[in-house]
Protein backbone atom coordinates (compact mmCIF):
# COMPACT_ATOMS: atom_id res chain seq x y z
CA UNK A 1 27.71 -2.54 36.97
CA UNK A 2 25.58 -5.67 35.54
CA UNK A 3 22.27 -3.81 36.29
CA UNK A 4 23.75 -0.70 34.80
CA UNK A 5 24.66 -2.67 31.25
CA UNK A 6 21.19 -4.33 31.56
CA UNK A 7 19.45 -1.00 31.54
CA UNK A 8 21.29 0.66 28.96
CA UNK A 9 20.38 -2.28 26.78
CA UNK A 10 16.54 -2.41 27.72
CA UNK A 11 17.04 1.55 26.84
CA UNK A 12 18.52 0.99 23.78
CA UNK A 13 16.24 -1.72 22.68
CA UNK A 14 13.08 0.24 23.41
CA UNK A 15 14.42 3.41 21.10
CA UNK A 16 14.90 0.79 18.34
CA UNK A 17 11.40 -0.13 18.55
CA UNK A 18 9.94 3.25 18.85
CA UNK A 19 12.36 4.49 15.92
CA UNK A 20 11.36 1.36 13.71
CA UNK A 21 7.38 2.10 14.64
CA UNK A 22 7.31 5.83 14.60
CA UNK A 23 3.49 7.42 14.07
CA UNK A 24 3.03 8.30 10.57
CA UNK A 25 5.75 6.07 9.13
CA UNK A 26 5.44 2.84 7.29
CA UNK A 27 8.67 0.76 6.29
CA UNK A 28 8.57 -1.23 3.19
CA UNK A 29 9.74 -4.41 5.34
CA UNK A 30 5.96 -4.08 7.28
CA UNK A 31 4.23 -4.00 4.03
CA UNK A 32 2.26 -7.39 2.75
CA UNK A 33 4.64 -9.08 0.30
CA UNK A 34 3.08 -10.30 -2.76
CA UNK A 35 5.15 -12.76 -5.08
CA UNK A 36 4.89 -11.96 -9.09
CA UNK A 37 6.22 -14.28 -11.79
CA UNK A 38 6.03 -14.32 -15.23
CA UNK A 39 3.37 -17.04 -15.36
CA UNK A 40 0.18 -14.79 -14.62
CA UNK A 41 -0.82 -11.33 -14.19
CA UNK A 42 -1.99 -10.24 -10.79
CA UNK A 43 -5.54 -8.59 -10.19
CA UNK A 44 -6.50 -6.32 -6.91
CA UNK A 45 -9.77 -6.18 -6.67
CA UNK A 46 -10.95 -2.73 -4.43
CA UNK A 47 -13.77 -2.42 -2.57
CA UNK A 48 -14.21 1.18 -3.71
CA UNK A 49 -13.37 3.04 -7.38
CA UNK A 50 -9.47 3.03 -7.67
CA UNK A 51 -8.79 6.68 -7.68
CA UNK A 52 -4.88 6.40 -7.91
CA UNK A 53 -2.24 3.66 -8.54
CA UNK A 54 1.55 4.03 -8.25
CA UNK A 55 3.79 1.17 -9.32
CA UNK A 56 7.68 2.13 -8.20
CA UNK A 57 9.20 -0.49 -10.53
CA UNK A 58 9.98 -0.03 -14.26
CA UNK A 59 9.66 -3.68 -14.58
CA UNK A 60 6.15 -3.92 -14.11
CA UNK A 61 3.47 -2.34 -16.04
CA UNK A 62 -0.48 -2.33 -15.14
CA UNK A 63 -3.62 -0.94 -16.37
CA UNK A 64 -7.51 -0.55 -14.90
CA UNK A 65 -9.76 -2.66 -17.13
CA UNK A 66 -12.50 -1.36 -14.70
CA UNK A 67 -12.93 1.12 -11.89
CA UNK A 68 -12.33 -1.42 -8.97
CA UNK A 69 -9.68 -3.43 -10.60
CA UNK A 70 -5.95 -3.02 -11.19
CA UNK A 71 -4.06 -5.40 -13.33
CA UNK A 72 -0.15 -5.88 -13.15
CA UNK A 73 2.35 -7.92 -14.99
CA UNK A 74 5.98 -7.85 -15.61
CA UNK A 75 7.30 -6.42 -18.51
CA UNK A 76 8.77 -9.23 -20.82
CA UNK A 77 12.22 -7.15 -21.42
CA UNK A 78 12.88 -6.88 -17.75
CA UNK A 79 12.88 -10.86 -17.11
CA UNK A 80 16.63 -11.14 -18.29
CA UNK A 81 17.63 -8.74 -15.51
CA UNK A 82 15.59 -10.72 -12.93
CA UNK A 83 17.63 -13.67 -12.06
CA UNK A 84 17.23 -14.56 -8.51
CA UNK A 85 14.20 -15.31 -6.29
CA UNK A 86 13.03 -12.67 -3.87
CA UNK A 87 14.47 -9.77 -5.84
CA UNK A 88 12.45 -6.68 -4.46
CA UNK A 89 10.54 -5.07 -7.31
CA UNK A 90 9.66 -1.91 -5.00
CA UNK A 91 6.14 -0.98 -3.87
CA UNK A 92 2.61 -0.65 -5.52
CA UNK A 93 0.44 1.83 -3.93
CA UNK A 94 -3.61 1.89 -4.51
CA UNK A 95 -5.80 4.53 -3.38
CA UNK A 96 -9.34 4.30 -3.14
CA UNK A 97 -12.05 6.93 -2.15
CA UNK A 98 -11.55 6.53 1.75
CA UNK A 99 -8.17 4.31 1.86
CA UNK A 100 -4.69 3.77 0.94
CA UNK A 101 -3.15 0.22 0.66
CA UNK A 102 0.58 -0.52 -0.23
CA UNK A 103 2.00 -3.86 -1.04
CA UNK A 104 5.91 -5.03 -1.20
CA UNK A 105 6.35 -6.85 -4.89
CA UNK A 106 9.00 -9.36 -5.17
CA UNK A 107 9.87 -11.46 -8.19
CA UNK A 108 9.91 -15.39 -8.17
CA UNK A 109 10.59 -17.71 -10.67
CA UNK A 110 8.50 -20.49 -9.05
CA UNK A 111 6.09 -22.17 -11.01
CA UNK A 112 3.10 -23.79 -9.48
CA UNK A 113 -0.28 -23.52 -8.25
CA UNK A 114 0.44 -21.44 -5.12
CA UNK A 115 1.29 -18.23 -7.15
CA UNK A 116 -1.39 -15.26 -6.58
CA UNK A 117 -3.82 -14.28 -9.63
CA UNK A 118 -6.05 -12.10 -7.54
CA UNK A 119 -5.96 -10.43 -4.47
CA UNK A 120 -8.93 -8.82 -2.59
CA UNK A 121 -7.57 -5.86 -0.85
CA UNK A 122 -8.64 -6.26 3.10
CA UNK A 123 -9.65 -3.61 5.55
CA UNK A 124 -6.60 -4.69 7.48
CA UNK A 125 -4.12 -3.71 4.97
CA UNK A 126 -5.78 -0.36 4.41
CA UNK A 127 -5.05 2.90 6.18
CA UNK A 128 -7.84 5.65 6.28
CA UNK A 129 -7.66 8.48 3.84
CA UNK A 130 -9.88 11.67 2.59
CA UNK A 131 -9.55 12.10 -1.21
CA UNK A 132 -10.55 15.45 -2.13
CA UNK A 133 -14.13 16.03 -3.72
CA UNK A 134 -15.29 12.89 -1.95
CA UNK A 135 -17.85 13.39 0.97
CA UNK A 136 -19.61 10.08 0.30
CA UNK A 137 -17.82 6.94 -0.85
CA UNK A 138 -19.53 4.31 -3.07
CA UNK A 139 -19.79 1.71 -0.47
CA UNK A 140 -21.75 4.45 1.62
CA UNK A 141 -23.79 5.33 -1.50
CA UNK A 142 -24.68 1.50 -2.04
CA UNK A 143 -25.39 1.04 1.78
CA UNK A 144 -28.15 3.89 1.67
CA UNK A 145 -29.50 2.98 -1.41
CA UNK A 146 -30.17 -0.52 0.08
CA UNK A 147 -31.45 0.93 3.22
CA UNK A 148 -34.16 3.07 1.13
CA UNK A 149 -35.17 -0.19 -1.03
CA UNK A 150 -35.75 -2.12 2.17
CA UNK A 151 -37.79 0.80 3.49
CA UNK A 152 -40.38 0.31 0.75
CA UNK A 153 -42.50 2.60 -1.13
CA UNK A 154 -44.76 5.04 1.15
CA UNK A 155 -46.83 7.42 -1.24
CA UNK A 156 -46.19 8.72 -4.90
CA UNK A 157 -44.73 11.88 -4.61
CA UNK A 158 -45.12 12.28 -8.67
CA UNK A 159 -46.37 10.07 -11.43
CA UNK A 160 -46.68 10.25 -15.42
CA UNK A 161 -48.10 8.05 -17.72
CA UNK A 162 -48.01 6.86 -21.28
CA UNK A 163 -47.86 3.99 -23.71
CA UNK A 164 -48.83 1.60 -20.76
CA UNK A 165 -45.86 2.93 -19.04
CA UNK A 166 -45.92 4.37 -15.40
CA UNK A 167 -42.98 6.78 -13.90
CA UNK A 168 -43.21 6.81 -10.36
CA UNK A 169 -41.12 9.42 -7.94
CA UNK A 170 -41.59 7.05 -4.61
CA UNK A 171 -39.34 9.29 -2.35
CA UNK A 172 -36.37 11.80 -1.99
CA UNK A 173 -33.63 11.36 0.58
CA UNK A 174 -30.60 13.51 1.46
CA UNK A 175 -27.23 12.48 2.99
CA UNK A 176 -24.88 15.50 3.40
CA UNK A 177 -24.81 17.31 0.07
CA UNK A 178 -26.34 14.33 -1.62
CA UNK A 179 -29.74 13.60 -3.09
CA UNK A 180 -31.36 10.40 -3.43
CA UNK A 181 -34.08 9.73 -6.03
CA UNK A 182 -35.97 6.84 -5.39
CA UNK A 183 -37.86 6.12 -8.56
CA UNK A 184 -39.35 3.24 -10.44
CA UNK A 185 -41.01 2.38 -13.83
CA UNK A 186 -43.88 0.08 -14.34
CA UNK A 187 -44.76 -1.73 -17.94
CA UNK A 188 -48.36 -2.81 -18.04
CA UNK A 189 -48.14 -3.84 -21.76
CA UNK A 190 -46.89 -7.27 -22.91
CA UNK A 191 -43.57 -5.72 -24.52
CA UNK A 192 -40.24 -5.79 -22.70
CA UNK A 193 -38.86 -2.07 -22.45
CA UNK A 194 -35.26 -1.83 -23.97
CA UNK A 195 -33.87 1.44 -22.14
CA UNK A 196 -32.13 3.46 -24.71
CA UNK A 197 -31.47 6.26 -22.13
CA UNK A 198 -32.67 7.56 -18.81
CA UNK A 199 -31.78 11.38 -18.68
CA UNK A 200 -32.12 14.15 -16.14
CA UNK A 201 -32.79 17.63 -17.58
CA UNK A 202 -33.39 20.52 -15.79
CA UNK A 203 -35.88 22.87 -18.15
CA UNK A 204 -38.21 25.58 -18.14
CA UNK A 205 -41.40 24.78 -16.34
CA UNK A 206 -43.58 26.63 -19.25
CA UNK A 207 -42.65 27.01 -22.80
CA UNK A 208 -43.95 29.17 -25.34
CA UNK A 209 -43.24 29.41 -29.01
CA UNK A 210 -41.45 32.73 -28.94
CA UNK A 211 -39.16 31.45 -25.77
CA UNK A 212 -35.90 29.78 -26.52
CA UNK A 213 -35.45 26.48 -24.80
CA UNK A 214 -33.08 26.38 -21.82
CA UNK A 215 -32.08 22.93 -21.06
CA UNK A 216 -29.26 21.67 -18.65
CA UNK A 217 -28.63 18.04 -18.30
CA UNK A 218 -27.12 16.59 -14.75
CA UNK A 219 -25.93 13.23 -14.59
CA UNK A 220 -26.31 10.70 -11.53
CA UNK A 221 -23.10 10.63 -9.61
CA UNK A 222 -23.97 7.24 -9.06
CA UNK A 223 -26.64 4.69 -9.43
CA UNK A 224 -27.50 1.50 -7.59
CA UNK A 225 -28.37 -0.58 -11.03
CA UNK A 226 -27.25 -0.91 -14.57
CA UNK A 227 -30.29 -2.54 -16.25
CA UNK A 228 -30.61 -2.69 -20.01
CA UNK A 229 -34.55 -3.50 -20.26
CA UNK A 230 -37.14 -4.58 -17.94
CA UNK A 231 -40.80 -6.75 -18.60
CA UNK A 232 -43.01 -5.64 -15.74
CA UNK A 233 -40.98 -2.98 -13.31
CA UNK A 234 -37.72 -1.15 -13.05
CA UNK A 235 -36.87 0.25 -9.61
CA UNK A 236 -33.45 2.36 -9.31
CA UNK A 237 -31.95 4.80 -6.84
CA UNK A 238 -30.01 7.73 -8.40
CA UNK A 239 -27.55 10.00 -6.61
CA UNK A 240 -27.17 13.35 -7.19
CA UNK A 241 -24.66 16.08 -5.58
CA UNK A 242 -26.61 18.92 -4.55
CA UNK A 243 -29.11 20.05 -7.07
CA UNK A 244 -30.64 23.61 -6.87
CA UNK A 245 -32.68 25.28 -9.58
CA UNK A 246 -35.11 28.41 -9.46
CA UNK A 247 -39.03 27.72 -9.25
CA UNK A 248 -39.67 28.43 -12.73
CA UNK A 249 -37.63 25.53 -13.65
CA UNK A 250 -38.26 21.87 -13.46
CA UNK A 251 -35.93 18.40 -13.04
CA UNK A 252 -37.71 16.19 -16.12
CA UNK A 253 -36.53 12.38 -16.04
CA UNK A 254 -36.67 11.06 -19.75
CA UNK A 255 -37.01 7.54 -20.39
CA UNK A 256 -36.54 6.63 -24.03
CA UNK A 257 -36.76 3.33 -25.70
CA UNK A 258 -34.22 1.73 -27.82
CA UNK A 259 -36.68 1.01 -30.85
CA UNK A 260 -36.97 3.71 -33.96
CA UNK A 261 -40.57 4.40 -32.70
CA UNK A 262 -39.70 3.90 -29.33
CA UNK A 263 -41.73 4.82 -26.34
CA UNK A 264 -40.76 8.02 -24.23
CA UNK A 265 -41.92 8.63 -20.92
CA UNK A 266 -41.32 11.90 -19.15
CA UNK A 267 -41.65 12.33 -15.29
CA UNK A 268 -41.60 15.97 -13.72
CA UNK A 269 -40.10 16.59 -10.60
CA UNK A 270 -40.44 20.12 -8.80
CA UNK A 271 -37.85 21.71 -6.74
CA UNK A 272 -40.36 21.78 -3.75
CA UNK A 273 -40.01 17.75 -4.00
CA UNK A 274 -36.38 18.32 -3.10
CA UNK A 275 -36.66 20.80 -0.46
CA UNK A 276 -39.00 18.33 1.38
CA UNK A 277 -36.35 15.46 1.29
CA UNK A 278 -36.09 13.43 4.28
CA UNK A 279 -32.76 12.78 6.17
CA UNK A 280 -31.18 9.10 5.85
């Protein structure tokens, strides 16, 4: 009889564990717990641009000052309803390009140096997630871009010169449906170059007076550096979703200076240059 009782106890315990840890299910008591008070805002630092965030409590408000930073704080009017420590404030959900992370928020009246003000989202706190439309995440693009820089310059595919400036298409790479343009600019004058705009436009290869100019501007999905000016050389990687255009068109890379009489430079990239891209 004693053996039967022990066996039933073991089976019930196993069933409880299996139920509590069922695949695909996350319980609130298993989430990392974050204490929040009226003393300080909390900033969540994401390794990727945040695509979506949800705060389940009306006692907390939040915003995103930049793409990979979520700031939350207690709503002042809610403080009179929060009298006890460890009052549950529900769950905050943060979704990046390739992950979902959740935290259990609890109110505390504690005042001291141990309260969190910034929380970096750790890999062990995330679950993988495929976000619609994203085939290459920002960390992946940065990793590929740094790999391109470390490979160095091999040969100039295209080059343009004007006003003591040189624009060079060093290399073209592809990763899946993304195109990486390795472009550098050189300044041989003694005047620093303050960048006004760098634009990428698909335009007619040959333009006559009787022809209406057709121009389609495309914007990089991502670029490695955001540099406002350069003294001698500027080297950057620009990432685009798959780009196609007919043979009678050309991709113009236009660099313009901030000054009224600013120097401008246009680098022309042929479609054949993209077709000869190397795989990373």
